[in-house]
Amino acid sequence: MNTANKLTVLRMILVPVFVLILLIPARLTMGVRVAALIVFIVASLTDFLDGYIARHYNQVTDFGKFLDPLADKLLIMAALLVFVGWGQMPSWCAMVIIAREFAVSGLRMVAASGGLVIAAAWSGKIKTASSIVAICIMLLTAAEPVNTICIAVMVVTTLWSGAEYFIKNRHVLQGKGGGDG
């Protein structure tokens, strides 16, 4: 297993560690939130680092292509679901973000079945970066105005990037064949 894939596996391992820390009954203490924040930041940094290493050292593998986006989605979704459980995020907001992830993944699968690759768009990178920053802020504070702004940023960037993926790649869904319905 190469270095890039090891970092991705590390991120997968850190997701349940992150969630377990957040499920400690004393979750509202700052110490627990800071511990979870540190794990989240380390996991997020592995995302940037494994991509850099894979591209720059020719370590791109099918395993990495599969596991990297899965690890990213699990990390973000884990944080969102914990926030919903705490009452810190409305469930509909988490659902919008999660639905976009499934929709874009589905679009990529349809494209791949036709031999096309949909590269990550800048709006998707902005969405990911803003979600990571917003989650970090939300881990440190549950203050209502700050929380609301963080959630709004995540939902708006999610909708914007999702719309961009589907508008730019509408030809994928307009093609004949390749689908079940």
Protein backbone atom coordinates (compact mmCIF):
# COMPACT_ATOMS: atom_id res chain seq x y z
CA MET A 1 0.00 0.00 0.00
CA ASN A 2 1.47 3.36 -1.00
CA THR A 3 1.72 6.49 1.16
CA ALA A 4 -1.31 8.23 -0.36
CA ASN A 5 -3.53 5.21 0.30
CA LYS A 6 -2.19 4.87 3.85
CA LEU A 7 -3.24 8.47 4.53
CA THR A 8 -6.71 7.75 3.15
CA VAL A 9 -7.00 4.66 5.37
CA LEU A 10 -5.88 6.79 8.32
CA ARG A 11 -8.71 9.23 7.55
CA MET A 12 -11.19 6.32 7.49
CA ILE A 13 -9.90 5.22 10.91
CA LEU A 14 -10.15 8.76 12.29
CA VAL A 15 -13.86 9.08 11.38
CA PRO A 16 -15.11 6.71 14.12
CA VAL A 17 -12.55 8.16 16.56
CA PHE A 18 -13.96 11.63 15.81
CA VAL A 19 -17.53 10.43 16.35
CA LEU A 20 -16.70 8.53 19.55
CA ILE A 21 -15.10 11.63 21.03
CA LEU A 22 -18.20 13.66 20.15
CA LEU A 23 -20.49 11.08 21.71
CA ILE A 24 -18.81 11.35 25.11
CA PRO A 25 -21.62 12.43 27.46
CA ALA A 26 -19.72 15.57 28.44
CA ARG A 27 -19.71 16.69 24.79
CA LEU A 28 -20.44 20.28 25.66
CA THR A 29 -17.20 20.73 27.53
CA MET A 30 -14.59 22.66 25.63
CA GLY A 31 -11.95 19.99 26.20
CA VAL A 32 -14.00 17.32 24.41
CA ARG A 33 -14.82 19.69 21.56
CA VAL A 34 -11.16 20.67 21.16
CA ALA A 35 -10.12 17.00 21.13
CA ALA A 36 -12.70 16.30 18.41
CA LEU A 37 -11.55 19.40 16.53
CA ILE A 38 -7.94 18.19 16.54
CA VAL A 39 -8.97 14.79 15.16
CA PHE A 40 -11.16 16.48 12.53
CA ILE A 41 -8.34 18.81 11.45
CA VAL A 42 -5.84 15.94 11.22
CA ALA A 43 -8.33 13.91 9.17
CA SER A 44 -9.04 16.91 6.91
CA LEU A 45 -5.33 17.52 6.38
CA THR A 46 -4.85 13.91 5.29
CA ASP A 47 -7.36 14.62 2.52
CA PHE A 48 -5.24 17.41 1.07
CA LEU A 49 -1.98 15.55 1.69
CA ASP A 50 -3.01 12.22 0.14
CA GLY A 51 -4.21 13.96 -3.02
CA TYR A 52 -0.98 15.91 -3.33
CA ILE A 53 1.16 12.82 -2.79
CA ALA A 54 -0.92 10.70 -5.18
CA ARG A 55 -0.64 13.24 -8.01
CA HIS A 56 2.93 14.41 -7.49
CA TYR A 57 4.49 11.02 -6.81
CA ASN A 58 2.39 9.03 -9.28
CA GLN A 59 0.60 7.08 -6.55
CA VAL A 60 -2.89 7.29 -8.05
CA THR A 61 -4.61 3.90 -7.69
CA ASP A 62 -8.11 2.53 -8.23
CA PHE A 63 -8.22 1.81 -4.48
CA GLY A 64 -7.47 5.48 -3.76
CA LYS A 65 -9.98 6.70 -6.35
CA PHE A 66 -12.64 4.67 -4.56
CA LEU A 67 -11.70 5.18 -0.92
CA ASP A 68 -10.64 8.86 -0.93
CA PRO A 69 -14.03 10.37 -1.82
CA LEU A 70 -15.76 7.87 0.48
CA ALA A 71 -13.54 8.87 3.40
CA ASP A 72 -14.19 12.57 2.68
CA LYS A 73 -17.95 12.10 2.63
CA LEU A 74 -17.96 9.98 5.79
CA LEU A 75 -15.97 12.58 7.72
CA ILE A 76 -18.24 15.47 6.75
CA MET A 77 -21.45 13.45 7.16
CA ALA A 78 -20.34 12.22 10.58
CA ALA A 79 -19.93 15.80 11.79
CA LEU A 80 -23.26 16.88 10.32
CA LEU A 81 -25.15 13.98 11.88
CA VAL A 82 -23.63 14.65 15.29
CA PHE A 83 -24.64 18.32 14.98
CA VAL A 84 -28.20 17.23 14.10
CA GLY A 85 -28.22 14.91 17.11
CA TRP A 86 -27.08 17.74 19.35
CA GLY A 87 -29.75 20.07 17.98
CA GLN A 88 -27.01 22.32 16.60
CA MET A 89 -28.08 21.85 12.96
CA PRO A 90 -31.54 21.38 11.44
CA SER A 91 -31.91 17.95 9.88
CA TRP A 92 -33.10 19.43 6.57
CA CYS A 93 -29.77 21.26 6.19
CA ALA A 94 -27.81 18.07 6.73
CA MET A 95 -30.12 16.31 4.27
CA VAL A 96 -29.47 18.93 1.57
CA ILE A 97 -25.71 18.50 1.99
CA ILE A 98 -25.87 14.71 2.06
CA ALA A 99 -28.26 14.57 -0.92
CA ARG A 100 -25.85 16.68 -2.99
CA GLU A 101 -23.04 14.24 -2.21
CA PHE A 102 -25.12 11.27 -3.36
CA ALA A 103 -26.36 13.13 -6.45
CA VAL A 104 -22.88 14.17 -7.61
CA SER A 105 -21.54 10.67 -6.90
CA GLY A 106 -24.39 9.24 -8.96
CA LEU A 107 -23.64 11.65 -11.80
CA ARG A 108 -20.00 10.57 -11.72
CA MET A 109 -21.02 6.90 -11.83
CA VAL A 110 -23.26 7.48 -14.85
CA ALA A 111 -20.44 9.36 -16.56
CA ALA A 112 -17.94 6.61 -15.73
CA SER A 113 -20.25 3.98 -17.19
CA GLY A 114 -20.00 5.91 -20.46
CA GLY A 115 -16.22 6.21 -20.22
CA LEU A 116 -16.25 9.82 -19.03
CA VAL A 117 -14.53 11.28 -15.98
CA ILE A 118 -16.01 14.28 -14.20
CA ALA A 119 -13.15 16.16 -12.61
CA ALA A 120 -13.58 18.02 -9.36
CA ALA A 121 -14.81 21.56 -10.02
CA TRP A 122 -13.51 24.59 -8.19
CA SER A 123 -16.95 25.11 -6.69
CA GLY A 124 -16.67 21.62 -5.19
CA LYS A 125 -13.28 22.46 -3.72
CA ILE A 126 -14.70 25.69 -2.28
CA LYS A 127 -17.64 23.75 -0.88
CA THR A 128 -15.32 21.25 0.78
CA ALA A 129 -13.01 23.90 2.21
CA SER A 130 -15.88 26.05 3.49
CA SER A 131 -17.57 23.00 5.04
CA ILE A 132 -14.36 22.04 6.82
CA VAL A 133 -13.91 25.57 8.18
CA ALA A 134 -17.59 25.81 9.19
CA ILE A 135 -17.47 22.45 10.98
CA CYS A 136 -14.32 23.53 12.84
CA ILE A 137 -16.05 26.71 13.98
CA MET A 138 -19.20 24.81 14.96
CA LEU A 139 -17.11 22.39 17.02
CA LEU A 140 -15.78 25.32 19.03
CA THR A 141 -19.03 27.18 19.54
CA ALA A 142 -22.75 26.53 19.52
CA ALA A 143 -23.50 30.27 19.61
CA GLU A 144 -26.63 30.82 17.56
CA PRO A 145 -25.54 33.61 15.18
CA VAL A 146 -22.20 31.94 14.41
CA ASN A 147 -23.83 28.54 14.03
CA THR A 148 -26.47 29.90 11.67
CA ILE A 149 -23.85 31.58 9.48
CA CYS A 150 -21.77 28.38 9.31
CA ILE A 151 -24.80 26.32 8.33
CA ALA A 152 -25.86 28.89 5.73
CA VAL A 153 -22.38 28.89 4.18
CA MET A 154 -22.39 25.09 3.97
CA VAL A 155 -25.88 24.91 2.44
CA VAL A 156 -25.29 27.73 -0.07
CA THR A 157 -21.91 26.41 -1.27
CA THR A 158 -23.39 22.90 -1.44
CA LEU A 159 -26.31 24.02 -3.61
CA TRP A 160 -24.06 26.18 -5.80
CA SER A 161 -21.51 23.44 -6.43
CA GLY A 162 -24.19 20.80 -6.96
CA ALA A 163 -25.97 22.99 -9.50
CA GLU A 164 -22.69 23.69 -11.26
CA TYR A 165 -21.85 19.97 -11.55
CA PHE A 166 -25.24 19.18 -13.06
CA ILE A 167 -25.36 22.19 -15.39
CA LYS A 168 -21.83 21.64 -16.72
CA ASN A 169 -22.39 17.91 -17.10
CA ARG A 170 -26.04 17.80 -18.19
CA HIS A 171 -24.94 16.02 -21.38
CA VAL A 172 -24.14 12.98 -19.22
CA LEU A 173 -27.79 12.60 -18.25
CA GLN A 174 -29.12 13.56 -21.69
CA GLY A 175 -27.26 10.75 -23.45
CA LYS A 176 -29.11 7.73 -24.76
CA GLY A 177 -28.72 4.46 -22.92
CA GLY A 178 -26.53 3.83 -19.91
CA GLY A 179 -29.39 4.27 -17.46
CA ASP A 180 -32.10 2.12 -15.96
CA GLY A 181 -34.93 4.53 -16.34
